[in-house]
Amino acid sequence: MDTINPTQEQIRLIKDKYFEKPFVMINLLKFKRDSSGRKSKQLYHQYTKEVASLLQAIGGNVIFLGAVHDVFIGEQGNMWDEVLLVYYPSGEAFLRMIAMEEYQKANAFREAALEKCVLMVTQRLV
C-alpha cells in the first residue's frame, strides 16, 4: 500500500533510532497527473517553498532536488519523477518541524501533489 504520510510506527522509528542523530532523508517522488497528463509537481514545489523557512529554522537544508530522466539500471516501469535529499540535524528537529502548524498547512500541497513516495533515512558512513 502506497502512503504519503508517516505511520505512528514510522514516527516511533525516528524517535527511537534517530532522535539525537543527524541524517539525510532521501525522497523518491511520483506526482499525480491530471486529465491532460500534466504532473502535479507545481503543488509539490509550493510545499517545498513554504517549508524552506521551517527547515532552516530547525537547522536543516535541502541538499539536492532533481528531476529523474532515465533509469540506468533497473526496471523502466519503476520511474520516479523527482528525487529530493534533505539534511536534518536530528530526529528531534525533524519531528518538531512536522508538528508545526505551518508545516501541517504546507503539507496539504504535498498530499495533493503526490501519487506515491518513498522516504529513506540515511546516515553518513565516512
N, C-alpha and C. Protein backbone atom coordinates (compact mmCIF):
# COMPACT_ATOMS: atom_id res chain seq x y z
N MET A 1 0.84 -1.19 0.00
CA MET A 1 0.00 0.00 0.00
C MET A 1 0.88 1.25 0.00
N ASP A 2 0.63 2.13 -0.95
CA ASP A 2 1.39 3.38 -1.02
C ASP A 2 0.82 4.37 -0.02
N THR A 3 1.70 4.98 0.75
CA THR A 3 1.28 6.00 1.70
C THR A 3 2.07 7.28 1.44
N ILE A 4 1.50 8.38 1.84
CA ILE A 4 2.12 9.68 1.64
C ILE A 4 2.66 10.23 2.96
N ASN A 5 1.96 9.97 4.06
CA ASN A 5 2.36 10.48 5.37
C ASN A 5 2.84 9.33 6.26
N PRO A 6 3.70 9.64 7.23
CA PRO A 6 4.25 8.57 8.07
C PRO A 6 3.20 7.97 9.00
N THR A 7 3.38 6.69 9.28
CA THR A 7 2.55 6.00 10.25
C THR A 7 3.11 6.27 11.65
N GLN A 8 2.36 5.92 12.67
CA GLN A 8 2.85 6.07 14.04
C GLN A 8 4.09 5.21 14.27
N GLU A 9 4.13 4.04 13.65
CA GLU A 9 5.31 3.18 13.75
C GLU A 9 6.55 3.84 13.15
N GLN A 10 6.37 4.51 12.03
CA GLN A 10 7.49 5.21 11.39
C GLN A 10 7.94 6.41 12.22
N ILE A 11 7.00 7.11 12.84
CA ILE A 11 7.36 8.22 13.74
C ILE A 11 8.14 7.68 14.92
N ARG A 12 7.71 6.54 15.45
CA ARG A 12 8.40 5.91 16.58
C ARG A 12 9.84 5.52 16.20
N LEU A 13 10.05 5.07 14.96
CA LEU A 13 11.39 4.74 14.49
C LEU A 13 12.31 5.96 14.58
N ILE A 14 11.81 7.11 14.12
CA ILE A 14 12.62 8.34 14.20
C ILE A 14 12.92 8.68 15.66
N LYS A 15 11.92 8.58 16.52
CA LYS A 15 12.11 8.87 17.95
C LYS A 15 13.12 7.92 18.58
N ASP A 16 12.97 6.64 18.30
CA ASP A 16 13.79 5.63 18.96
C ASP A 16 15.20 5.52 18.42
N LYS A 17 15.36 5.68 17.12
CA LYS A 17 16.65 5.39 16.49
C LYS A 17 17.46 6.63 16.09
N TYR A 18 16.77 7.74 15.80
CA TYR A 18 17.47 8.90 15.23
C TYR A 18 17.24 10.19 16.01
N PHE A 19 16.65 10.12 17.21
CA PHE A 19 16.25 11.32 17.95
C PHE A 19 17.38 12.33 18.09
N GLU A 20 18.58 11.87 18.41
CA GLU A 20 19.71 12.78 18.62
C GLU A 20 20.75 12.69 17.51
N LYS A 21 20.43 12.02 16.41
CA LYS A 21 21.41 11.79 15.35
C LYS A 21 21.04 12.53 14.08
N PRO A 22 22.03 13.08 13.39
CA PRO A 22 21.76 13.71 12.09
C PRO A 22 21.52 12.65 11.02
N PHE A 23 20.74 13.02 10.01
CA PHE A 23 20.50 12.10 8.89
C PHE A 23 20.11 12.88 7.64
N VAL A 24 20.19 12.20 6.52
CA VAL A 24 19.71 12.73 5.25
C VAL A 24 18.53 11.87 4.84
N MET A 25 17.41 12.53 4.56
CA MET A 25 16.21 11.83 4.10
C MET A 25 16.21 11.87 2.58
N ILE A 26 16.21 10.69 1.97
CA ILE A 26 16.10 10.58 0.52
C ILE A 26 14.62 10.41 0.20
N ASN A 27 14.10 11.30 -0.63
CA ASN A 27 12.69 11.28 -1.02
C ASN A 27 12.59 10.91 -2.50
N LEU A 28 11.94 9.80 -2.80
CA LEU A 28 11.62 9.42 -4.18
C LEU A 28 10.17 9.81 -4.40
N LEU A 29 9.93 10.64 -5.41
CA LEU A 29 8.63 11.28 -5.57
C LEU A 29 7.98 10.94 -6.91
N LYS A 30 6.72 10.52 -6.86
CA LYS A 30 5.91 10.27 -8.06
C LYS A 30 4.68 11.16 -7.96
N PHE A 31 4.51 12.06 -8.93
CA PHE A 31 3.42 13.03 -8.89
C PHE A 31 2.15 12.50 -9.54
N LYS A 32 1.02 12.97 -9.03
CA LYS A 32 -0.27 12.70 -9.65
C LYS A 32 -0.30 13.40 -11.01
N ARG A 33 -1.10 12.88 -11.91
CA ARG A 33 -1.29 13.51 -13.21
C ARG A 33 -2.76 13.88 -13.36
N ASP A 34 -3.02 15.06 -13.95
CA ASP A 34 -4.41 15.45 -14.17
C ASP A 34 -4.92 14.83 -15.47
N SER A 35 -6.13 15.14 -15.87
CA SER A 35 -6.73 14.52 -17.05
C SER A 35 -5.95 14.80 -18.34
N SER A 36 -5.19 15.89 -18.36
CA SER A 36 -4.39 16.21 -19.55
C SER A 36 -3.02 15.53 -19.51
N GLY A 37 -2.73 14.84 -18.40
CA GLY A 37 -1.44 14.16 -18.28
C GLY A 37 -0.37 15.00 -17.60
N ARG A 38 -0.71 16.25 -17.24
CA ARG A 38 0.25 17.11 -16.55
C ARG A 38 0.49 16.61 -15.14
N LYS A 39 1.72 16.71 -14.70
CA LYS A 39 2.08 16.30 -13.35
C LYS A 39 1.75 17.41 -12.36
N SER A 40 1.54 17.02 -11.12
CA SER A 40 1.21 17.97 -10.04
C SER A 40 2.45 18.51 -9.35
N LYS A 41 3.57 18.55 -10.05
CA LYS A 41 4.80 18.97 -9.39
C LYS A 41 4.77 20.43 -8.94
N GLN A 42 3.96 21.26 -9.58
CA GLN A 42 3.87 22.66 -9.14
C GLN A 42 3.36 22.73 -7.70
N LEU A 43 2.41 21.87 -7.37
CA LEU A 43 1.90 21.83 -5.99
C LEU A 43 3.00 21.40 -5.02
N TYR A 44 3.79 20.42 -5.43
CA TYR A 44 4.87 19.95 -4.56
C TYR A 44 5.92 21.04 -4.38
N HIS A 45 6.22 21.76 -5.43
CA HIS A 45 7.20 22.84 -5.33
C HIS A 45 6.68 23.98 -4.46
N GLN A 46 5.37 24.18 -4.41
CA GLN A 46 4.79 25.15 -3.47
C GLN A 46 5.02 24.67 -2.04
N TYR A 47 4.86 23.37 -1.81
CA TYR A 47 5.15 22.78 -0.50
C TYR A 47 6.61 23.03 -0.11
N THR A 48 7.55 22.75 -1.01
CA THR A 48 8.97 22.93 -0.67
C THR A 48 9.29 24.40 -0.41
N LYS A 49 8.64 25.29 -1.14
CA LYS A 49 8.85 26.73 -0.93
C LYS A 49 8.37 27.14 0.46
N GLU A 50 7.20 26.66 0.86
CA GLU A 50 6.65 27.03 2.16
C GLU A 50 7.40 26.39 3.32
N VAL A 51 7.97 25.22 3.10
CA VAL A 51 8.68 24.51 4.16
C VAL A 51 10.13 24.99 4.31
N ALA A 52 10.66 25.69 3.32
CA ALA A 52 12.06 26.10 3.34
C ALA A 52 12.45 26.87 4.60
N SER A 53 11.63 27.82 5.02
CA SER A 53 11.97 28.60 6.21
C SER A 53 11.86 27.76 7.48
N LEU A 54 10.93 26.82 7.51
CA LEU A 54 10.81 25.92 8.66
C LEU A 54 12.02 25.01 8.76
N LEU A 55 12.45 24.53 7.62
CA LEU A 55 13.63 23.68 7.56
C LEU A 55 14.86 24.43 8.04
N GLN A 56 15.02 25.65 7.58
CA GLN A 56 16.14 26.48 8.00
C GLN A 56 16.09 26.74 9.51
N ALA A 57 14.91 26.97 10.05
CA ALA A 57 14.74 27.28 11.47
C ALA A 57 15.18 26.12 12.37
N ILE A 58 15.06 24.89 11.88
CA ILE A 58 15.47 23.74 12.70
C ILE A 58 16.91 23.30 12.41
N GLY A 59 17.59 24.01 11.50
CA GLY A 59 18.98 23.68 11.19
C GLY A 59 19.15 22.69 10.06
N GLY A 60 18.09 22.46 9.30
CA GLY A 60 18.17 21.55 8.16
C GLY A 60 18.33 22.30 6.86
N ASN A 61 18.53 21.55 5.78
CA ASN A 61 18.62 22.18 4.47
C ASN A 61 18.44 21.16 3.35
N VAL A 62 17.98 21.67 2.20
CA VAL A 62 17.86 20.84 1.01
C VAL A 62 19.25 20.68 0.41
N ILE A 63 19.64 19.44 0.20
CA ILE A 63 20.94 19.14 -0.41
C ILE A 63 20.80 19.06 -1.93
N PHE A 64 19.70 18.48 -2.38
CA PHE A 64 19.52 18.27 -3.82
C PHE A 64 18.04 18.06 -4.13
N LEU A 65 17.57 18.67 -5.20
CA LEU A 65 16.26 18.40 -5.76
C LEU A 65 16.46 18.30 -7.26
N GLY A 66 16.10 17.16 -7.82
CA GLY A 66 16.32 16.99 -9.25
C GLY A 66 15.27 16.11 -9.90
N ALA A 67 15.09 16.32 -11.20
CA ALA A 67 14.16 15.52 -12.00
C ALA A 67 14.85 14.22 -12.40
N VAL A 68 14.08 13.14 -12.42
CA VAL A 68 14.57 11.85 -12.89
C VAL A 68 14.23 11.76 -14.38
N HIS A 69 15.26 11.52 -15.21
CA HIS A 69 15.03 11.46 -16.66
C HIS A 69 15.08 10.03 -17.20
N ASP A 70 15.93 9.21 -16.64
CA ASP A 70 16.10 7.86 -17.16
C ASP A 70 16.46 6.91 -16.03
N VAL A 71 16.13 5.63 -16.23
CA VAL A 71 16.60 4.57 -15.35
C VAL A 71 17.81 3.95 -16.04
N PHE A 72 18.93 3.95 -15.39
CA PHE A 72 20.15 3.38 -15.96
C PHE A 72 20.22 1.89 -15.67
N ILE A 73 20.05 1.51 -14.41
CA ILE A 73 19.99 0.10 -14.01
C ILE A 73 18.69 -0.10 -13.25
N GLY A 74 17.92 -1.08 -13.64
CA GLY A 74 16.63 -1.33 -13.00
C GLY A 74 15.53 -1.33 -14.04
N GLU A 75 14.32 -1.51 -13.58
CA GLU A 75 13.17 -1.58 -14.47
C GLU A 75 12.66 -0.18 -14.84
N GLN A 76 12.43 0.05 -16.10
CA GLN A 76 11.94 1.34 -16.58
C GLN A 76 10.58 1.67 -15.96
N GLY A 77 9.78 0.68 -15.65
CA GLY A 77 8.45 0.91 -15.09
C GLY A 77 8.48 1.48 -13.68
N ASN A 78 9.64 1.43 -13.03
CA ASN A 78 9.77 1.94 -11.66
C ASN A 78 10.29 3.37 -11.66
N MET A 79 9.83 4.17 -12.58
CA MET A 79 10.33 5.53 -12.75
C MET A 79 9.75 6.46 -11.70
N TRP A 80 10.59 7.24 -11.07
CA TRP A 80 10.18 8.32 -10.17
C TRP A 80 10.28 9.62 -10.94
N ASP A 81 9.53 10.63 -10.53
CA ASP A 81 9.57 11.92 -11.21
C ASP A 81 10.71 12.81 -10.70
N GLU A 82 10.90 12.83 -9.38
CA GLU A 82 11.96 13.66 -8.78
C GLU A 82 12.57 12.95 -7.59
N VAL A 83 13.77 13.40 -7.26
CA VAL A 83 14.48 12.92 -6.07
C VAL A 83 14.85 14.16 -5.26
N LEU A 84 14.60 14.08 -3.95
CA LEU A 84 14.90 15.18 -3.03
C LEU A 84 15.73 14.62 -1.88
N LEU A 85 16.85 15.28 -1.59
CA LEU A 85 17.69 14.91 -0.44
C LEU A 85 17.67 16.07 0.54
N VAL A 86 17.29 15.77 1.80
CA VAL A 86 17.17 16.81 2.82
C VAL A 86 17.97 16.40 4.05
N TYR A 87 18.81 17.32 4.52
CA TYR A 87 19.60 17.11 5.74
C TYR A 87 18.79 17.58 6.95
N TYR A 88 18.75 16.73 7.99
CA TYR A 88 18.15 17.08 9.27
C TYR A 88 19.21 16.91 10.36
N PRO A 89 19.35 17.88 11.25
CA PRO A 89 20.37 17.77 12.30
C PRO A 89 20.07 16.70 13.34
N SER A 90 18.79 16.29 13.43
CA SER A 90 18.39 15.24 14.37
C SER A 90 16.95 14.83 14.09
N GLY A 91 16.61 13.66 14.60
CA GLY A 91 15.22 13.23 14.53
C GLY A 91 14.32 14.16 15.33
N GLU A 92 14.85 14.66 16.44
CA GLU A 92 14.09 15.59 17.27
C GLU A 92 13.71 16.84 16.47
N ALA A 93 14.66 17.38 15.71
CA ALA A 93 14.40 18.57 14.89
C ALA A 93 13.38 18.25 13.80
N PHE A 94 13.51 17.10 13.16
CA PHE A 94 12.56 16.68 12.14
C PHE A 94 11.15 16.59 12.70
N LEU A 95 11.00 15.91 13.84
CA LEU A 95 9.69 15.73 14.46
C LEU A 95 9.09 17.05 14.92
N ARG A 96 9.96 17.94 15.41
CA ARG A 96 9.49 19.27 15.81
C ARG A 96 8.94 20.03 14.60
N MET A 97 9.65 19.92 13.47
CA MET A 97 9.21 20.63 12.26
C MET A 97 7.87 20.10 11.77
N ILE A 98 7.71 18.78 11.67
CA ILE A 98 6.46 18.26 11.10
C ILE A 98 5.27 18.43 12.03
N ALA A 99 5.54 18.77 13.31
CA ALA A 99 4.45 19.05 14.25
C ALA A 99 3.99 20.50 14.20
N MET A 100 4.76 21.38 13.55
CA MET A 100 4.41 22.80 13.48
C MET A 100 3.13 23.01 12.67
N GLU A 101 2.33 23.96 13.10
CA GLU A 101 1.09 24.28 12.39
C GLU A 101 1.39 24.72 10.96
N GLU A 102 2.45 25.51 10.77
CA GLU A 102 2.81 25.97 9.43
C GLU A 102 3.15 24.80 8.52
N TYR A 103 3.82 23.79 9.08
CA TYR A 103 4.15 22.60 8.29
C TYR A 103 2.88 21.86 7.91
N GLN A 104 1.97 21.70 8.85
CA GLN A 104 0.73 20.98 8.58
C GLN A 104 -0.06 21.64 7.45
N LYS A 105 -0.07 22.96 7.43
CA LYS A 105 -0.75 23.68 6.35
C LYS A 105 -0.05 23.45 5.01
N ALA A 106 1.28 23.53 5.00
CA ALA A 106 2.04 23.32 3.77
C ALA A 106 1.92 21.89 3.28
N ASN A 107 1.79 20.95 4.20
CA ASN A 107 1.71 19.53 3.84
C ASN A 107 0.50 19.23 2.97
N ALA A 108 -0.51 20.07 3.02
CA ALA A 108 -1.69 19.88 2.15
C ALA A 108 -1.28 19.93 0.67
N PHE A 109 -0.31 20.78 0.32
CA PHE A 109 0.21 20.84 -1.05
C PHE A 109 0.90 19.53 -1.41
N ARG A 110 1.68 19.00 -0.47
CA ARG A 110 2.40 17.74 -0.68
C ARG A 110 1.42 16.60 -0.92
N GLU A 111 0.39 16.53 -0.07
CA GLU A 111 -0.61 15.47 -0.19
C GLU A 111 -1.36 15.56 -1.51
N ALA A 112 -1.66 16.78 -1.95
CA ALA A 112 -2.38 16.97 -3.21
C ALA A 112 -1.52 16.63 -4.42
N ALA A 113 -0.21 16.74 -4.29
CA ALA A 113 0.70 16.55 -5.41
C ALA A 113 1.13 15.12 -5.64
N LEU A 114 1.29 14.35 -4.57
CA LEU A 114 1.95 13.05 -4.68
C LEU A 114 0.99 11.89 -4.92
N GLU A 115 1.35 11.09 -5.91
CA GLU A 115 0.68 9.81 -6.12
C GLU A 115 1.25 8.79 -5.14
N LYS A 116 2.59 8.81 -5.04
CA LYS A 116 3.27 7.94 -4.08
C LYS A 116 4.66 8.49 -3.83
N CYS A 117 5.27 8.01 -2.75
CA CYS A 117 6.62 8.42 -2.42
C CYS A 117 7.27 7.33 -1.57
N VAL A 118 8.58 7.37 -1.55
CA VAL A 118 9.37 6.54 -0.64
C VAL A 118 10.36 7.48 0.01
N LEU A 119 10.41 7.47 1.33
CA LEU A 119 11.38 8.28 2.08
C LEU A 119 12.29 7.32 2.83
N MET A 120 13.59 7.52 2.65
CA MET A 120 14.58 6.65 3.28
C MET A 120 15.50 7.48 4.17
N VAL A 121 15.70 7.03 5.40
CA VAL A 121 16.60 7.69 6.34
C VAL A 121 18.00 7.12 6.09
N THR A 122 18.96 8.01 5.83
CA THR A 122 20.33 7.56 5.60
C THR A 122 21.27 8.32 6.53
N GLN A 123 22.41 7.67 6.85
CA GLN A 123 23.43 8.32 7.65
C GLN A 123 24.78 8.12 6.99
N ARG A 124 25.62 9.13 7.16
CA ARG A 124 26.95 9.13 6.56
C ARG A 124 27.78 7.97 7.11
N LEU A 125 28.47 7.29 6.22
CA LEU A 125 29.37 6.20 6.62
C LEU A 125 30.81 6.67 6.79
N VAL A 126 31.22 7.61 5.97
CA VAL A 126 32.60 8.13 6.07
C VAL A 126 32.59 9.64 6.10
